[in-house]
Amino acid sequence: MELARLAMLQLADSAFPSGAYTLSHGLETLVAEGLVRDAGELAAALEVALVARLGRADLPALLAAWDATDIAPAVAVDRRLTAAKLAREEREASARVGRRLALEVGRLASSPMLEAFVRAIEEGRSPGNSAVALGLAARALAIPRREAALIAGYSFANGFLSAALRLGRIGHGEAQRLLRAAGPAIVAAVDRAEATDPRDLFSCAPMFDVAFARHETAPVRLFAT
């Protein structure tokens, strides 16, 4: 169990080379257009992203991938998750991070499922979303199911707030305060994911879908999303 906890820390670390921390998850557009201006609005946006988006789509897909005993159901939920992502930029970013995550964890732990997932990606049979890759990676590293979803929620919140820091909306101390305060929303997102049928993935946060779409055509971009 101690080794699994250490693996959790490793996966959640911003130094892990998945590319996840190059994303703003739509925040760059929300800030540029004056929709997120201060810490209070940032906290509200983060809660929406966690509970209404991750909790209904990415996290249920992660849990389904963790549960998969062969590659077919993992590929099926991966495709459904891509269908739930409306913006091209979000789909491409998720696939890029997912493939990298699967490859990097494959170097750390022997996993026929991860190897099969990478083959499915390379053969064009599976998009390779980051949530699905993380579910398979967590299983390969003996990280328990719910803890795997908590890692995903924490990593998302940390990346979101790191983007806010780089965009000049908050300072380092405020980022840590907001990350701590996001704990209940992360837990709520995981609770919702556990109660969601992975055959019925969707997100309910139109402002983020619009932000992703507008980011694609922005003249200046600091982040990949």
Protein backbone atom coordinates (compact mmCIF):
# COMPACT_ATOMS: atom_id res chain seq x y z
CA MET A 1 0.00 0.00 0.00
CA GLU A 2 2.87 2.39 0.73
CA LEU A 3 4.26 1.83 -2.76
CA ALA A 4 0.83 2.60 -4.21
CA ARG A 5 0.73 5.86 -2.24
CA LEU A 6 4.13 6.82 -3.58
CA ALA A 7 2.90 6.04 -7.09
CA MET A 8 -0.07 8.34 -6.47
CA LEU A 9 2.28 11.17 -5.56
CA GLN A 10 4.37 10.51 -8.65
CA LEU A 11 1.39 10.61 -11.02
CA ALA A 12 -0.02 13.77 -9.40
CA ASP A 13 3.33 15.58 -9.53
CA SER A 14 3.51 18.43 -12.05
CA ALA A 15 6.98 17.13 -12.99
CA PHE A 16 5.49 13.92 -14.41
CA PRO A 17 6.04 14.26 -18.18
CA SER A 18 2.48 13.85 -19.46
CA GLY A 19 2.09 17.41 -20.74
CA ALA A 20 -1.04 17.95 -18.65
CA TYR A 21 0.29 21.16 -17.13
CA THR A 22 0.52 22.87 -20.54
CA LEU A 23 -3.29 23.14 -20.54
CA SER A 24 -5.51 25.87 -19.09
CA HIS A 25 -8.74 23.89 -19.63
CA GLY A 26 -10.47 26.92 -21.17
CA LEU A 27 -9.37 29.30 -18.41
CA GLU A 28 -7.14 31.36 -20.71
CA THR A 29 -10.17 32.41 -22.75
CA LEU A 30 -12.35 33.00 -19.68
CA VAL A 31 -9.68 35.32 -18.27
CA ALA A 32 -9.02 37.10 -21.57
CA GLU A 33 -12.73 37.82 -22.04
CA GLY A 34 -13.22 39.09 -18.49
CA LEU A 35 -15.39 36.22 -17.29
CA VAL A 36 -12.95 35.18 -14.55
CA ARG A 37 -11.40 38.21 -12.86
CA ASP A 38 -10.60 37.31 -9.27
CA ALA A 39 -10.13 34.47 -6.82
CA GLY A 40 -13.84 34.13 -6.08
CA GLU A 41 -14.79 33.76 -9.74
CA LEU A 42 -11.85 31.40 -10.25
CA ALA A 43 -13.01 29.15 -7.40
CA ALA A 44 -16.54 29.08 -8.82
CA ALA A 45 -15.29 28.19 -12.31
CA LEU A 46 -13.10 25.43 -10.90
CA GLU A 47 -16.02 23.90 -9.01
CA VAL A 48 -18.15 23.89 -12.17
CA ALA A 49 -15.34 22.28 -14.15
CA LEU A 50 -14.83 19.58 -11.54
CA VAL A 51 -18.42 18.64 -10.75
CA ALA A 52 -20.26 19.38 -13.99
CA ARG A 53 -17.56 18.28 -16.41
CA LEU A 54 -15.08 15.85 -14.85
CA GLY A 55 -17.65 14.26 -12.58
CA ARG A 56 -19.99 13.48 -15.48
CA ALA A 57 -17.51 12.51 -18.18
CA ASP A 58 -13.78 12.09 -17.53
CA LEU A 59 -13.97 10.53 -14.09
CA PRO A 60 -16.66 7.94 -14.93
CA ALA A 61 -14.53 6.99 -17.96
CA LEU A 62 -11.46 6.69 -15.72
CA LEU A 63 -13.31 4.39 -13.32
CA ALA A 64 -14.61 2.26 -16.19
CA ALA A 65 -11.08 1.92 -17.57
CA TRP A 66 -9.78 0.91 -14.14
CA ASP A 67 -12.51 -1.76 -13.99
CA ALA A 68 -11.77 -3.14 -17.47
CA THR A 69 -10.45 -6.69 -17.57
CA ASP A 70 -9.61 -6.58 -21.27
CA ILE A 71 -8.96 -3.80 -23.75
CA ALA A 72 -12.36 -3.81 -25.50
CA PRO A 73 -14.37 -2.02 -22.77
CA ALA A 74 -11.53 0.47 -22.25
CA VAL A 75 -11.56 1.32 -25.96
CA ALA A 76 -15.35 1.60 -25.92
CA VAL A 77 -15.41 4.08 -23.04
CA ASP A 78 -12.51 5.98 -24.60
CA ARG A 79 -14.57 6.52 -27.73
CA ARG A 80 -17.60 7.60 -25.72
CA LEU A 81 -15.49 10.12 -23.81
CA THR A 82 -14.22 11.65 -27.05
CA ALA A 83 -17.82 11.96 -28.27
CA ALA A 84 -18.65 13.89 -25.08
CA LYS A 85 -15.92 16.47 -25.76
CA LEU A 86 -17.43 19.04 -28.11
CA ALA A 87 -14.38 21.17 -28.87
CA ARG A 88 -11.67 19.88 -31.20
CA GLU A 89 -8.93 21.47 -29.12
CA GLU A 90 -10.04 19.66 -25.98
CA ARG A 91 -10.25 16.32 -27.78
CA GLU A 92 -6.78 16.69 -29.27
CA ALA A 93 -5.22 17.81 -25.98
CA SER A 94 -6.77 14.93 -24.06
CA ALA A 95 -5.51 12.43 -26.63
CA ARG A 96 -2.01 13.90 -26.62
CA VAL A 97 -1.73 13.78 -22.83
CA GLY A 98 -3.28 10.31 -22.67
CA ARG A 99 -0.87 8.75 -25.12
CA ARG A 100 2.09 10.28 -23.33
CA LEU A 101 0.81 9.16 -19.95
CA ALA A 102 0.33 5.58 -21.16
CA LEU A 103 3.82 5.46 -22.62
CA GLU A 104 5.50 6.91 -19.54
CA VAL A 105 3.72 4.63 -17.06
CA GLY A 106 4.45 1.70 -19.36
CA ARG A 107 8.11 2.36 -18.67
CA LEU A 108 7.50 2.17 -14.93
CA ALA A 109 5.30 -0.92 -14.67
CA SER A 110 4.68 -3.94 -16.85
CA SER A 111 1.05 -3.85 -17.98
CA PRO A 112 -0.49 -5.81 -20.86
CA MET A 113 -3.53 -3.51 -20.70
CA LEU A 114 -1.44 -0.36 -21.12
CA GLU A 115 0.49 -2.00 -23.96
CA ALA A 116 -2.78 -2.97 -25.65
CA PHE A 117 -4.10 0.56 -25.15
CA VAL A 118 -1.04 2.12 -26.80
CA ARG A 119 -1.42 -0.31 -29.73
CA ALA A 120 -5.09 0.62 -30.06
CA ILE A 121 -4.14 4.31 -30.16
CA GLU A 122 -1.41 3.77 -32.74
CA GLU A 123 -3.75 1.69 -34.90
CA GLY A 124 -6.46 4.36 -34.75
CA ARG A 125 -8.92 2.17 -32.84
CA SER A 126 -8.90 4.29 -29.67
CA PRO A 127 -8.53 8.08 -29.24
CA GLY A 128 -6.36 7.74 -26.13
CA ASN A 129 -8.01 10.16 -23.72
CA SER A 130 -6.02 11.11 -20.65
CA ALA A 131 -8.71 9.95 -18.20
CA VAL A 132 -8.79 6.47 -19.71
CA ALA A 133 -5.00 6.30 -19.74
CA LEU A 134 -4.88 7.36 -16.10
CA GLY A 135 -7.39 4.69 -15.11
CA LEU A 136 -5.30 2.00 -16.79
CA ALA A 137 -2.07 3.46 -15.40
CA ALA A 138 -3.42 3.54 -11.86
CA ARG A 139 -4.46 -0.11 -12.10
CA ALA A 140 -0.98 -1.00 -13.39
CA LEU A 141 0.61 0.78 -10.43
CA ALA A 142 -1.74 -0.89 -7.90
CA ILE A 143 -3.42 2.41 -7.05
CA PRO A 144 -6.95 1.79 -5.70
CA ARG A 145 -9.93 2.71 -7.87
CA ARG A 146 -11.30 5.70 -5.95
CA GLU A 147 -7.85 7.06 -5.24
CA ALA A 148 -7.16 7.03 -8.98
CA ALA A 149 -10.16 9.31 -9.53
CA LEU A 150 -9.03 11.57 -6.68
CA ILE A 151 -5.63 11.88 -8.37
CA ALA A 152 -7.35 12.99 -11.57
CA GLY A 153 -9.45 15.56 -9.74
CA TYR A 154 -6.51 16.90 -7.78
CA SER A 155 -4.29 17.09 -10.87
CA PHE A 156 -6.99 18.94 -12.78
CA ALA A 157 -7.49 21.45 -9.97
CA ASN A 158 -3.75 21.96 -9.56
CA GLY A 159 -3.29 22.48 -13.30
CA PHE A 160 -6.24 24.86 -13.48
CA LEU A 161 -4.89 26.98 -10.62
CA SER A 162 -1.34 26.84 -11.99
CA ALA A 163 -2.72 28.30 -15.21
CA ALA A 164 -4.45 31.05 -13.22
CA LEU A 165 -1.13 31.80 -11.53
CA ARG A 166 0.66 32.11 -14.88
CA LEU A 167 -2.17 34.28 -16.19
CA GLY A 168 -1.67 36.68 -13.31
CA ARG A 169 -5.07 36.16 -11.64
CA ILE A 170 -3.69 34.91 -8.30
CA GLY A 171 -0.44 34.56 -6.39
CA HIS A 172 1.24 31.43 -5.06
CA GLY A 173 -0.31 31.62 -1.61
CA GLU A 174 -3.80 32.16 -3.02
CA ALA A 175 -3.31 29.22 -5.39
CA GLN A 176 -2.57 26.94 -2.45
CA ARG A 177 -5.55 28.26 -0.51
CA LEU A 178 -7.87 27.63 -3.45
CA LEU A 179 -6.41 24.18 -4.04
CA ARG A 180 -7.14 23.28 -0.43
CA ALA A 181 -10.62 24.77 -0.68
CA ALA A 182 -11.32 22.72 -3.82
CA GLY A 183 -11.12 19.49 -1.82
CA PRO A 184 -14.89 19.13 -1.29
CA ALA A 185 -15.56 19.75 -4.98
CA ILE A 186 -12.99 17.10 -5.95
CA VAL A 187 -14.64 14.60 -3.61
CA ALA A 188 -18.09 15.56 -4.94
CA ALA A 189 -16.89 15.02 -8.50
CA VAL A 190 -15.62 11.55 -7.63
CA ASP A 191 -18.87 10.74 -5.82
CA ARG A 192 -20.84 11.79 -8.89
CA ALA A 193 -18.55 9.74 -11.14
CA GLU A 194 -19.10 6.63 -9.05
CA ALA A 195 -22.87 7.08 -9.47
CA THR A 196 -22.66 7.70 -13.24
CA ASP A 197 -23.19 4.99 -15.83
CA PRO A 198 -20.08 5.08 -18.08
CA ARG A 199 -22.37 4.43 -21.04
CA ASP A 200 -23.92 7.87 -20.45
CA LEU A 201 -21.03 10.33 -20.45
CA PHE A 202 -21.70 14.05 -20.90
CA SER A 203 -20.68 17.41 -19.50
CA CYS A 204 -22.94 20.27 -18.52
CA ALA A 205 -20.89 23.48 -18.55
CA PRO A 206 -21.55 25.39 -21.81
CA MET A 207 -19.28 28.29 -20.87
CA PHE A 208 -16.30 25.93 -20.98
CA ASP A 209 -17.31 24.44 -24.33
CA VAL A 210 -17.57 27.97 -25.77
CA ALA A 211 -14.25 28.95 -24.18
CA PHE A 212 -12.51 25.96 -25.78
CA ALA A 213 -13.98 26.78 -29.17
CA ARG A 214 -13.02 30.46 -28.98
CA HIS A 215 -9.51 29.58 -27.81
CA GLU A 216 -8.90 27.69 -31.06
CA THR A 217 -9.06 30.94 -33.04
CA ALA A 218 -7.50 33.30 -30.49
CA PRO A 219 -4.69 35.43 -32.02
CA VAL A 220 -2.39 34.92 -29.01
CA ARG A 221 -2.29 31.77 -26.87
CA LEU A 222 -0.08 30.88 -23.92
CA PHE A 223 -1.61 27.45 -23.32
CA ALA A 224 -2.52 24.51 -25.54
CA THR A 225 -6.18 24.80 -24.48
